[in-house]
mmCIF file of all heavy atoms, coordinates in Angstrom:
data_MODEL
# 
_entry.id   MODEL 
# 
loop_
_atom_site.group_PDB 
_atom_site.id 
_atom_site.type_symbol 
_atom_site.label_atom_id 
_atom_site.label_alt_id 
_atom_site.label_comp_id 
_atom_site.label_asym_id 
_atom_site.label_entity_id 
_atom_site.label_seq_id 
_atom_site.pdbx_PDB_ins_code 
_atom_site.Cartn_x 
_atom_site.Cartn_y 
_atom_site.Cartn_z 
_atom_site.occupancy 
_atom_site.B_iso_or_equiv 
_atom_site.pdbx_formal_charge 
_atom_site.auth_seq_id 
_atom_site.auth_comp_id 
_atom_site.auth_asym_id 
_atom_site.auth_atom_id 
_atom_site.pdbx_PDB_model_num 
ATOM 1   N N   . LEU A 1 1  ? 100.594 101.180 85.717  1.00 0.00 ? 1  LEU A N   1 
ATOM 2   C CA  . LEU A 1 1  ? 100.133 100.306 84.637  1.00 0.00 ? 1  LEU A CA  1 
ATOM 3   C C   . LEU A 1 1  ? 100.682 98.893  84.812  1.00 0.00 ? 1  LEU A C   1 
ATOM 4   O O   . LEU A 1 1  ? 99.976  97.912  84.556  1.00 0.00 ? 1  LEU A O   1 
ATOM 5   C CB  . LEU A 1 1  ? 100.555 100.864 83.271  1.00 0.00 ? 1  LEU A CB  1 
ATOM 6   C CG  . LEU A 1 1  ? 99.840  102.124 82.804  1.00 0.00 ? 1  LEU A CG  1 
ATOM 7   C CD1 . LEU A 1 1  ? 100.523 102.687 81.564  1.00 0.00 ? 1  LEU A CD1 1 
ATOM 8   C CD2 . LEU A 1 1  ? 98.368  101.848 82.550  1.00 0.00 ? 1  LEU A CD2 1 
ATOM 9   N N   . LYS A 1 2  ? 101.926 98.783  85.275  1.00 0.00 ? 2  LYS A N   1 
ATOM 10  C CA  . LYS A 1 2  ? 102.548 97.473  85.476  1.00 0.00 ? 2  LYS A CA  1 
ATOM 11  C C   . LYS A 1 2  ? 101.798 96.631  86.507  1.00 0.00 ? 2  LYS A C   1 
ATOM 12  O O   . LYS A 1 2  ? 101.804 95.409  86.409  1.00 0.00 ? 2  LYS A O   1 
ATOM 13  C CB  . LYS A 1 2  ? 104.000 97.625  85.942  1.00 0.00 ? 2  LYS A CB  1 
ATOM 14  C CG  . LYS A 1 2  ? 104.964 98.008  84.877  1.00 0.00 ? 2  LYS A CG  1 
ATOM 15  C CD  . LYS A 1 2  ? 106.364 98.083  85.467  1.00 0.00 ? 2  LYS A CD  1 
ATOM 16  C CE  . LYS A 1 2  ? 107.365 98.604  84.490  1.00 0.00 ? 2  LYS A CE  1 
ATOM 17  N NZ  . LYS A 1 2  ? 108.702 98.736  85.105  1.00 0.00 ? 2  LYS A NZ  1 
ATOM 18  N N   . VAL A 1 3  ? 101.195 97.278  87.495  1.00 0.00 ? 3  VAL A N   1 
ATOM 19  C CA  . VAL A 1 3  ? 100.474 96.527  88.533  1.00 0.00 ? 3  VAL A CA  1 
ATOM 20  C C   . VAL A 1 3  ? 98.983  96.402  88.220  1.00 0.00 ? 3  VAL A C   1 
ATOM 21  O O   . VAL A 1 3  ? 98.209  95.957  89.058  1.00 0.00 ? 3  VAL A O   1 
ATOM 22  C CB  . VAL A 1 3  ? 100.704 97.108  89.953  1.00 0.00 ? 3  VAL A CB  1 
ATOM 23  C CG1 . VAL A 1 3  ? 102.164 97.029  90.335  1.00 0.00 ? 3  VAL A CG1 1 
ATOM 24  C CG2 . VAL A 1 3  ? 100.169 98.523  90.069  1.00 0.00 ? 3  VAL A CG2 1 
ATOM 25  N N   . GLY A 1 4  ? 98.566  96.809  87.024  1.00 0.00 ? 4  GLY A N   1 
ATOM 26  C CA  . GLY A 1 4  ? 97.210  96.571  86.591  1.00 0.00 ? 4  GLY A CA  1 
ATOM 27  C C   . GLY A 1 4  ? 96.234  97.719  86.702  1.00 0.00 ? 4  GLY A C   1 
ATOM 28  O O   . GLY A 1 4  ? 95.048  97.555  86.439  1.00 0.00 ? 4  GLY A O   1 
ATOM 29  N N   . VAL A 1 5  ? 96.694  98.906  87.080  1.00 0.00 ? 5  VAL A N   1 
ATOM 30  C CA  . VAL A 1 5  ? 95.798  100.062 87.130  1.00 0.00 ? 5  VAL A CA  1 
ATOM 31  C C   . VAL A 1 5  ? 95.529  100.509 85.693  1.00 0.00 ? 5  VAL A C   1 
ATOM 32  O O   . VAL A 1 5  ? 96.455  100.617 84.883  1.00 0.00 ? 5  VAL A O   1 
ATOM 33  C CB  . VAL A 1 5  ? 96.414  101.209 87.960  1.00 0.00 ? 5  VAL A CB  1 
ATOM 34  C CG1 . VAL A 1 5  ? 95.506  102.428 87.965  1.00 0.00 ? 5  VAL A CG1 1 
ATOM 35  C CG2 . VAL A 1 5  ? 96.701  100.751 89.385  1.00 0.00 ? 5  VAL A CG2 1 
ATOM 36  N N   . GLN A 1 6  ? 94.276  100.746 85.367  1.00 0.00 ? 6  GLN A N   1 
ATOM 37  C CA  . GLN A 1 6  ? 93.891  101.159 84.019  1.00 0.00 ? 6  GLN A CA  1 
ATOM 38  C C   . GLN A 1 6  ? 94.215  102.644 83.799  1.00 0.00 ? 6  GLN A C   1 
ATOM 39  O O   . GLN A 1 6  ? 94.151  103.438 84.731  1.00 0.00 ? 6  GLN A O   1 
ATOM 40  C CB  . GLN A 1 6  ? 92.393  100.939 83.810  1.00 0.00 ? 6  GLN A CB  1 
ATOM 41  C CG  . GLN A 1 6  ? 91.967  99.497  83.968  1.00 0.00 ? 6  GLN A CG  1 
ATOM 42  C CD  . GLN A 1 6  ? 92.589  98.601  82.913  1.00 0.00 ? 6  GLN A CD  1 
ATOM 43  O OE1 . GLN A 1 6  ? 92.568  98.914  81.727  1.00 0.00 ? 6  GLN A OE1 1 
ATOM 44  N NE2 . GLN A 1 6  ? 93.154  97.485  83.337  1.00 0.00 ? 6  GLN A NE2 1 
ATOM 45  N N   . VAL A 1 7  ? 94.537  103.000 82.562  1.00 0.00 ? 7  VAL A N   1 
ATOM 46  C CA  . VAL A 1 7  ? 94.859  104.389 82.223  1.00 0.00 ? 7  VAL A CA  1 
ATOM 47  C C   . VAL A 1 7  ? 93.735  105.322 82.666  1.00 0.00 ? 7  VAL A C   1 
ATOM 48  O O   . VAL A 1 7  ? 93.981  106.383 83.223  1.00 0.00 ? 7  VAL A O   1 
ATOM 49  C CB  . VAL A 1 7  ? 95.132  104.554 80.702  1.00 0.00 ? 7  VAL A CB  1 
ATOM 50  C CG1 . VAL A 1 7  ? 95.276  106.027 80.326  1.00 0.00 ? 7  VAL A CG1 1 
ATOM 51  C CG2 . VAL A 1 7  ? 96.384  103.796 80.306  1.00 0.00 ? 7  VAL A CG2 1 
ATOM 52  N N   . ALA A 1 8  ? 92.495  104.905 82.455  1.00 0.00 ? 8  ALA A N   1 
ATOM 53  C CA  . ALA A 1 8  ? 91.348  105.745 82.828  1.00 0.00 ? 8  ALA A CA  1 
ATOM 54  C C   . ALA A 1 8  ? 91.307  106.012 84.337  1.00 0.00 ? 8  ALA A C   1 
ATOM 55  O O   . ALA A 1 8  ? 90.829  107.057 84.768  1.00 0.00 ? 8  ALA A O   1 
ATOM 56  C CB  . ALA A 1 8  ? 90.048  105.083 82.385  1.00 0.00 ? 8  ALA A CB  1 
ATOM 57  N N   . SER A 1 9  ? 91.816  105.087 85.147  1.00 0.00 ? 9  SER A N   1 
ATOM 58  C CA  . SER A 1 9  ? 91.814  105.252 86.606  1.00 0.00 ? 9  SER A CA  1 
ATOM 59  C C   . SER A 1 9  ? 92.992  106.084 87.103  1.00 0.00 ? 9  SER A C   1 
ATOM 60  O O   . SER A 1 9  ? 92.931  106.658 88.189  1.00 0.00 ? 9  SER A O   1 
ATOM 61  C CB  . SER A 1 9  ? 91.861  103.885 87.287  1.00 0.00 ? 9  SER A CB  1 
ATOM 62  O OG  . SER A 1 9  ? 90.744  103.123 86.932  1.00 0.00 ? 9  SER A OG  1 
ATOM 63  N N   . ILE A 1 10 ? 94.055  106.129 86.324  1.00 0.00 ? 10 ILE A N   1 
ATOM 64  C CA  . ILE A 1 10 ? 95.265  106.827 86.769  1.00 0.00 ? 10 ILE A CA  1 
ATOM 65  C C   . ILE A 1 10 ? 95.009  108.320 86.927  1.00 0.00 ? 10 ILE A C   1 
ATOM 66  O O   . ILE A 1 10 ? 95.488  108.936 87.874  1.00 0.00 ? 10 ILE A O   1 
ATOM 67  C CB  . ILE A 1 10 ? 96.447  106.537 85.821  1.00 0.00 ? 10 ILE A CB  1 
ATOM 68  C CG1 . ILE A 1 10 ? 96.841  105.060 85.938  1.00 0.00 ? 10 ILE A CG1 1 
ATOM 69  C CG2 . ILE A 1 10 ? 97.644  107.428 86.146  1.00 0.00 ? 10 ILE A CG2 1 
ATOM 70  C CD1 . ILE A 1 10 ? 97.897  104.605 84.950  1.00 0.00 ? 10 ILE A CD1 1 
ATOM 71  N N   . HIS A 1 11 ? 94.224  108.907 86.033  1.00 0.00 ? 11 HIS A N   1 
ATOM 72  C CA  . HIS A 1 11 ? 93.922  110.337 86.135  1.00 0.00 ? 11 HIS A CA  1 
ATOM 73  C C   . HIS A 1 11 ? 93.245  110.639 87.471  1.00 0.00 ? 11 HIS A C   1 
ATOM 74  O O   . HIS A 1 11 ? 93.641  111.562 88.182  1.00 0.00 ? 11 HIS A O   1 
ATOM 75  C CB  . HIS A 1 11 ? 93.049  110.794 84.971  1.00 0.00 ? 11 HIS A CB  1 
ATOM 76  C CG  . HIS A 1 11 ? 92.715  112.247 85.009  1.00 0.00 ? 11 HIS A CG  1 
ATOM 77  N ND1 . HIS A 1 11 ? 93.644  113.216 84.713  1.00 0.00 ? 11 HIS A ND1 1 
ATOM 78  C CD2 . HIS A 1 11 ? 91.582  112.895 85.354  1.00 0.00 ? 11 HIS A CD2 1 
ATOM 79  C CE1 . HIS A 1 11 ? 93.079  114.406 84.855  1.00 0.00 ? 11 HIS A CE1 1 
ATOM 80  N NE2 . HIS A 1 11 ? 91.826  114.234 85.247  1.00 0.00 ? 11 HIS A NE2 1 
ATOM 81  N N   . GLY A 1 12 ? 92.245  109.865 87.839  1.00 0.00 ? 12 GLY A N   1 
ATOM 82  C CA  . GLY A 1 12 ? 91.551  110.067 89.113  1.00 0.00 ? 12 GLY A CA  1 
ATOM 83  C C   . GLY A 1 12 ? 92.463  109.839 90.302  1.00 0.00 ? 12 GLY A C   1 
ATOM 84  O O   . GLY A 1 12 ? 92.386  110.555 91.307  1.00 0.00 ? 12 GLY A O   1 
ATOM 85  N N   . LEU A 1 13 ? 93.351  108.871 90.181  1.00 0.00 ? 13 LEU A N   1 
ATOM 86  C CA  . LEU A 1 13 ? 94.317  108.604 91.243  1.00 0.00 ? 13 LEU A CA  1 
ATOM 87  C C   . LEU A 1 13 ? 95.212  109.824 91.464  1.00 0.00 ? 13 LEU A C   1 
ATOM 88  O O   . LEU A 1 13 ? 95.400  110.263 92.597  1.00 0.00 ? 13 LEU A O   1 
ATOM 89  C CB  . LEU A 1 13 ? 95.139  107.379 90.855  1.00 0.00 ? 13 LEU A CB  1 
ATOM 90  C CG  . LEU A 1 13 ? 96.121  106.850 91.863  1.00 0.00 ? 13 LEU A CG  1 
ATOM 91  C CD1 . LEU A 1 13 ? 96.183  105.336 91.755  1.00 0.00 ? 13 LEU A CD1 1 
ATOM 92  C CD2 . LEU A 1 13 ? 97.488  107.434 91.631  1.00 0.00 ? 13 LEU A CD2 1 
ATOM 93  N N   . PHE A 1 14 ? 95.729  110.386 90.376  1.00 0.00 ? 14 PHE A N   1 
ATOM 94  C CA  . PHE A 1 14 ? 96.567  111.580 90.506  1.00 0.00 ? 14 PHE A CA  1 
ATOM 95  C C   . PHE A 1 14 ? 95.776  112.768 91.042  1.00 0.00 ? 14 PHE A C   1 
ATOM 96  O O   . PHE A 1 14 ? 96.303  113.549 91.830  1.00 0.00 ? 14 PHE A O   1 
ATOM 97  C CB  . PHE A 1 14 ? 97.238  111.942 89.177  1.00 0.00 ? 14 PHE A CB  1 
ATOM 98  C CG  . PHE A 1 14 ? 98.552  111.246 88.961  1.00 0.00 ? 14 PHE A CG  1 
ATOM 99  C CD1 . PHE A 1 14 ? 98.637  110.140 88.147  1.00 0.00 ? 14 PHE A CD1 1 
ATOM 100 C CD2 . PHE A 1 14 ? 99.698  111.693 89.587  1.00 0.00 ? 14 PHE A CD2 1 
ATOM 101 C CE1 . PHE A 1 14 ? 99.841  109.490 87.948  1.00 0.00 ? 14 PHE A CE1 1 
ATOM 102 C CE2 . PHE A 1 14 ? 100.913 111.055 89.396  1.00 0.00 ? 14 PHE A CE2 1 
ATOM 103 C CZ  . PHE A 1 14 ? 100.986 109.945 88.580  1.00 0.00 ? 14 PHE A CZ  1 
ATOM 104 N N   . GLU A 1 15 ? 94.518  112.907 90.633  1.00 0.00 ? 15 GLU A N   1 
ATOM 105 C CA  . GLU A 1 15 ? 93.689  113.996 91.161  1.00 0.00 ? 15 GLU A CA  1 
ATOM 106 C C   . GLU A 1 15 ? 93.525  113.876 92.676  1.00 0.00 ? 15 GLU A C   1 
ATOM 107 O O   . GLU A 1 15 ? 93.524  114.874 93.380  1.00 0.00 ? 15 GLU A O   1 
ATOM 108 C CB  . GLU A 1 15 ? 92.314  114.007 90.499  1.00 0.00 ? 15 GLU A CB  1 
ATOM 109 C CG  . GLU A 1 15 ? 92.304  114.650 89.139  1.00 0.00 ? 15 GLU A CG  1 
ATOM 110 C CD  . GLU A 1 15 ? 90.900  114.739 88.558  1.00 0.00 ? 15 GLU A CD  1 
ATOM 111 O OE1 . GLU A 1 15 ? 89.987  114.007 89.003  1.00 0.00 ? 15 GLU A OE1 1 
ATOM 112 O OE2 . GLU A 1 15 ? 90.726  115.555 87.644  1.00 0.00 ? 15 GLU A OE2 1 
ATOM 113 N N   . SER A 1 16 ? 93.401  112.640 93.178  1.00 0.00 ? 16 SER A N   1 
ATOM 114 C CA  . SER A 1 16 ? 93.186  112.453 94.607  1.00 0.00 ? 16 SER A CA  1 
ATOM 115 C C   . SER A 1 16 ? 94.417  112.788 95.448  1.00 0.00 ? 16 SER A C   1 
ATOM 116 O O   . SER A 1 16 ? 94.289  113.078 96.630  1.00 0.00 ? 16 SER A O   1 
ATOM 117 C CB  . SER A 1 16 ? 92.705  111.033 94.905  1.00 0.00 ? 16 SER A CB  1 
ATOM 118 O OG  . SER A 1 16 ? 93.733  110.094 94.696  1.00 0.00 ? 16 SER A OG  1 
ATOM 119 N N   . ILE A 1 17 ? 95.594  112.759 94.854  1.00 0.00 ? 17 ILE A N   1 
ATOM 120 C CA  . ILE A 1 17 ? 96.815  113.087 95.608  1.00 0.00 ? 17 ILE A CA  1 
ATOM 121 C C   . ILE A 1 17 ? 97.418  114.425 95.188  1.00 0.00 ? 17 ILE A C   1 
ATOM 122 O O   . ILE A 1 17 ? 98.487  114.805 95.667  1.00 0.00 ? 17 ILE A O   1 
ATOM 123 C CB  . ILE A 1 17 ? 97.886  111.973 95.483  1.00 0.00 ? 17 ILE A CB  1 
ATOM 124 C CG1 . ILE A 1 17 ? 98.286  111.759 94.021  1.00 0.00 ? 17 ILE A CG1 1 
ATOM 125 C CG2 . ILE A 1 17 ? 97.417  110.696 96.143  1.00 0.00 ? 17 ILE A CG2 1 
ATOM 126 C CD1 . ILE A 1 17 ? 99.471  110.860 93.817  1.00 0.00 ? 17 ILE A CD1 1 
ATOM 127 N N   . GLU A 1 18 ? 96.740  115.161 94.316  1.00 0.00 ? 18 GLU A N   1 
ATOM 128 C CA  . GLU A 1 18 ? 97.295  116.406 93.758  1.00 0.00 ? 18 GLU A CA  1 
ATOM 129 C C   . GLU A 1 18 ? 97.725  117.401 94.830  1.00 0.00 ? 18 GLU A C   1 
ATOM 130 O O   . GLU A 1 18 ? 98.780  118.002 94.730  1.00 0.00 ? 18 GLU A O   1 
ATOM 131 C CB  . GLU A 1 18 ? 96.287  117.045 92.806  1.00 0.00 ? 18 GLU A CB  1 
ATOM 132 C CG  . GLU A 1 18 ? 96.869  118.202 92.010  1.00 0.00 ? 18 GLU A CG  1 
ATOM 133 C CD  . GLU A 1 18 ? 98.024  117.796 91.114  1.00 0.00 ? 18 GLU A CD  1 
ATOM 134 O OE1 . GLU A 1 18 ? 98.007  116.693 90.554  1.00 0.00 ? 18 GLU A OE1 1 
ATOM 135 O OE2 . GLU A 1 18 ? 98.970  118.606 90.998  1.00 0.00 ? 18 GLU A OE2 1 
ATOM 136 N N   . LYS A 1 19 ? 96.923  117.581 95.872  1.00 0.00 ? 19 LYS A N   1 
ATOM 137 C CA  . LYS A 1 19 ? 97.282  118.577 96.897  1.00 0.00 ? 19 LYS A CA  1 
ATOM 138 C C   . LYS A 1 19 ? 98.533  118.157 97.666  1.00 0.00 ? 19 LYS A C   1 
ATOM 139 O O   . LYS A 1 19 ? 99.259  119.003 98.168  1.00 0.00 ? 19 LYS A O   1 
ATOM 140 C CB  . LYS A 1 19 ? 96.117  118.840 97.843  1.00 0.00 ? 19 LYS A CB  1 
ATOM 141 C CG  . LYS A 1 19 ? 95.725  117.688 98.730  1.00 0.00 ? 19 LYS A CG  1 
ATOM 142 C CD  . LYS A 1 19 ? 94.587  118.093 99.649  1.00 0.00 ? 19 LYS A CD  1 
ATOM 143 C CE  . LYS A 1 19 ? 94.054  116.960 100.464 1.00 0.00 ? 19 LYS A CE  1 
ATOM 144 N NZ  . LYS A 1 19 ? 94.957  116.332 101.357 1.00 0.00 ? 19 LYS A NZ  1 
ATOM 145 N N   . ASP A 1 20 ? 98.814  116.855 97.739  1.00 0.00 ? 20 ASP A N   1 
ATOM 146 C CA  . ASP A 1 20 ? 99.998  116.365 98.449  1.00 0.00 ? 20 ASP A CA  1 
ATOM 147 C C   . ASP A 1 20 ? 101.216 116.216 97.539  1.00 0.00 ? 20 ASP A C   1 
ATOM 148 O O   . ASP A 1 20 ? 102.331 116.070 98.024  1.00 0.00 ? 20 ASP A O   1 
ATOM 149 C CB  . ASP A 1 20 ? 99.705  115.007 99.100  1.00 0.00 ? 20 ASP A CB  1 
ATOM 150 C CG  . ASP A 1 20 ? 98.683  115.112 100.207 1.00 0.00 ? 20 ASP A CG  1 
ATOM 151 O OD1 . ASP A 1 20 ? 98.647  116.165 100.880 1.00 0.00 ? 20 ASP A OD1 1 
ATOM 152 O OD2 . ASP A 1 20 ? 97.918  114.144 100.394 1.00 0.00 ? 20 ASP A OD2 1 
ATOM 153 N N   . TRP A 1 21 ? 101.021 116.240 96.220  1.00 0.00 ? 21 TRP A N   1 
ATOM 154 C CA  . TRP A 1 21 ? 102.114 115.984 95.273  1.00 0.00 ? 21 TRP A CA  1 
ATOM 155 C C   . TRP A 1 21 ? 103.335 116.899 95.481  1.00 0.00 ? 21 TRP A C   1 
ATOM 156 O O   . TRP A 1 21 ? 104.464 116.428 95.420  1.00 0.00 ? 21 TRP A O   1 
ATOM 157 C CB  . TRP A 1 21 ? 101.592 116.074 93.841  1.00 0.00 ? 21 TRP A CB  1 
ATOM 158 C CG  . TRP A 1 21 ? 102.620 115.683 92.816  1.00 0.00 ? 21 TRP A CG  1 
ATOM 159 C CD1 . TRP A 1 21 ? 103.412 116.524 92.104  1.00 0.00 ? 21 TRP A CD1 1 
ATOM 160 C CD2 . TRP A 1 21 ? 102.975 114.359 92.423  1.00 0.00 ? 21 TRP A CD2 1 
ATOM 161 N NE1 . TRP A 1 21 ? 104.232 115.803 91.269  1.00 0.00 ? 21 TRP A NE1 1 
ATOM 162 C CE2 . TRP A 1 21 ? 103.989 114.471 91.451  1.00 0.00 ? 21 TRP A CE2 1 
ATOM 163 C CE3 . TRP A 1 21 ? 102.545 113.089 92.791  1.00 0.00 ? 21 TRP A CE3 1 
ATOM 164 C CZ2 . TRP A 1 21 ? 104.567 113.360 90.841  1.00 0.00 ? 21 TRP A CZ2 1 
ATOM 165 C CZ3 . TRP A 1 21 ? 103.126 111.992 92.178  1.00 0.00 ? 21 TRP A CZ3 1 
ATOM 166 C CH2 . TRP A 1 21 ? 104.128 112.127 91.225  1.00 0.00 ? 21 TRP A CH2 1 
ATOM 167 N N   . PRO A 1 22 ? 103.155 118.209 95.759  1.00 0.00 ? 22 PRO A N   1 
ATOM 168 C CA  . PRO A 1 22 ? 104.339 119.058 95.937  1.00 0.00 ? 22 PRO A CA  1 
ATOM 169 C C   . PRO A 1 22 ? 105.274 118.606 97.067  1.00 0.00 ? 22 PRO A C   1 
ATOM 170 O O   . PRO A 1 22 ? 106.448 118.949 97.067  1.00 0.00 ? 22 PRO A O   1 
ATOM 171 C CB  . PRO A 1 22 ? 103.751 120.441 96.240  1.00 0.00 ? 22 PRO A CB  1 
ATOM 172 C CG  . PRO A 1 22 ? 102.406 120.414 95.595  1.00 0.00 ? 22 PRO A CG  1 
ATOM 173 C CD  . PRO A 1 22 ? 101.921 118.999 95.759  1.00 0.00 ? 22 PRO A CD  1 
ATOM 174 N N   . ARG A 1 23 ? 104.758 117.805 98.007  1.00 0.00 ? 23 ARG A N   1 
ATOM 175 C CA  . ARG A 1 23 ? 105.615 117.324 99.103  1.00 0.00 ? 23 ARG A CA  1 
ATOM 176 C C   . ARG A 1 23 ? 106.800 116.510 98.608  1.00 0.00 ? 23 ARG A C   1 
ATOM 177 O O   . ARG A 1 23 ? 107.837 116.494 99.251  1.00 0.00 ? 23 ARG A O   1 
ATOM 178 C CB  . ARG A 1 23 ? 104.810 116.471 100.093 1.00 0.00 ? 23 ARG A CB  1 
ATOM 179 C CG  . ARG A 1 23 ? 103.854 117.278 100.916 1.00 0.00 ? 23 ARG A CG  1 
ATOM 180 C CD  . ARG A 1 23 ? 103.292 116.489 102.062 1.00 0.00 ? 23 ARG A CD  1 
ATOM 181 N NE  . ARG A 1 23 ? 102.721 115.216 101.615 1.00 0.00 ? 23 ARG A NE  1 
ATOM 182 C CZ  . ARG A 1 23 ? 102.454 114.206 102.414 1.00 0.00 ? 23 ARG A CZ  1 
ATOM 183 N NH1 . ARG A 1 23 ? 102.703 114.291 103.691 1.00 0.00 ? 23 ARG A NH1 1 
ATOM 184 N NH2 . ARG A 1 23 ? 101.916 113.096 101.948 1.00 0.00 ? 23 ARG A NH2 1 
ATOM 185 N N   . ILE A 1 24 ? 106.655 115.827 97.475  1.00 0.00 ? 24 ILE A N   1 
ATOM 186 C CA  . ILE A 1 24 ? 107.772 114.995 97.015  1.00 0.00 ? 24 ILE A CA  1 
ATOM 187 C C   . ILE A 1 24 ? 108.930 115.831 96.495  1.00 0.00 ? 24 ILE A C   1 
ATOM 188 O O   . ILE A 1 24 ? 110.020 115.319 96.303  1.00 0.00 ? 24 ILE A O   1 
ATOM 189 C CB  . ILE A 1 24 ? 107.343 113.957 95.949  1.00 0.00 ? 24 ILE A CB  1 
ATOM 190 C CG1 . ILE A 1 24 ? 106.902 114.631 94.664  1.00 0.00 ? 24 ILE A CG1 1 
ATOM 191 C CG2 . ILE A 1 24 ? 106.284 113.022 96.506  1.00 0.00 ? 24 ILE A CG2 1 
ATOM 192 C CD1 . ILE A 1 24 ? 106.714 113.679 93.517  1.00 0.00 ? 24 ILE A CD1 1 
ATOM 193 N N   . ARG A 1 25 ? 108.701 117.139 96.312  1.00 0.00 ? 25 ARG A N   1 
ATOM 194 C CA  . ARG A 1 25 ? 109.782 118.020 95.869  1.00 0.00 ? 25 ARG A CA  1 
ATOM 195 C C   . ARG A 1 25 ? 110.599 118.563 97.035  1.00 0.00 ? 25 ARG A C   1 
ATOM 196 O O   . ARG A 1 25 ? 111.626 119.200 96.822  1.00 0.00 ? 25 ARG A O   1 
ATOM 197 C CB  . ARG A 1 25 ? 109.208 119.180 95.058  1.00 0.00 ? 25 ARG A CB  1 
ATOM 198 C CG  . ARG A 1 25 ? 108.590 118.698 93.755  1.00 0.00 ? 25 ARG A CG  1 
ATOM 199 C CD  . ARG A 1 25 ? 108.207 119.847 92.921  1.00 0.00 ? 25 ARG A CD  1 
ATOM 200 N NE  . ARG A 1 25 ? 109.428 120.496 92.474  1.00 0.00 ? 25 ARG A NE  1 
ATOM 201 C CZ  . ARG A 1 25 ? 109.635 120.942 91.261  1.00 0.00 ? 25 ARG A CZ  1 
ATOM 202 N NH1 . ARG A 1 25 ? 108.716 120.821 90.371  1.00 0.00 ? 25 ARG A NH1 1 
ATOM 203 N NH2 . ARG A 1 25 ? 110.752 121.535 90.943  1.00 0.00 ? 25 ARG A NH2 1 
# 
C-alpha cells in the first residue's frame, strides 16, 4: 500500500505467489 498498490490488486498479487509463499518459512 505504501508504494501505491491498491487493496483490490493486493489479493490478486498474493494469489499469483500463493504456491511459492511456503518457501519463506
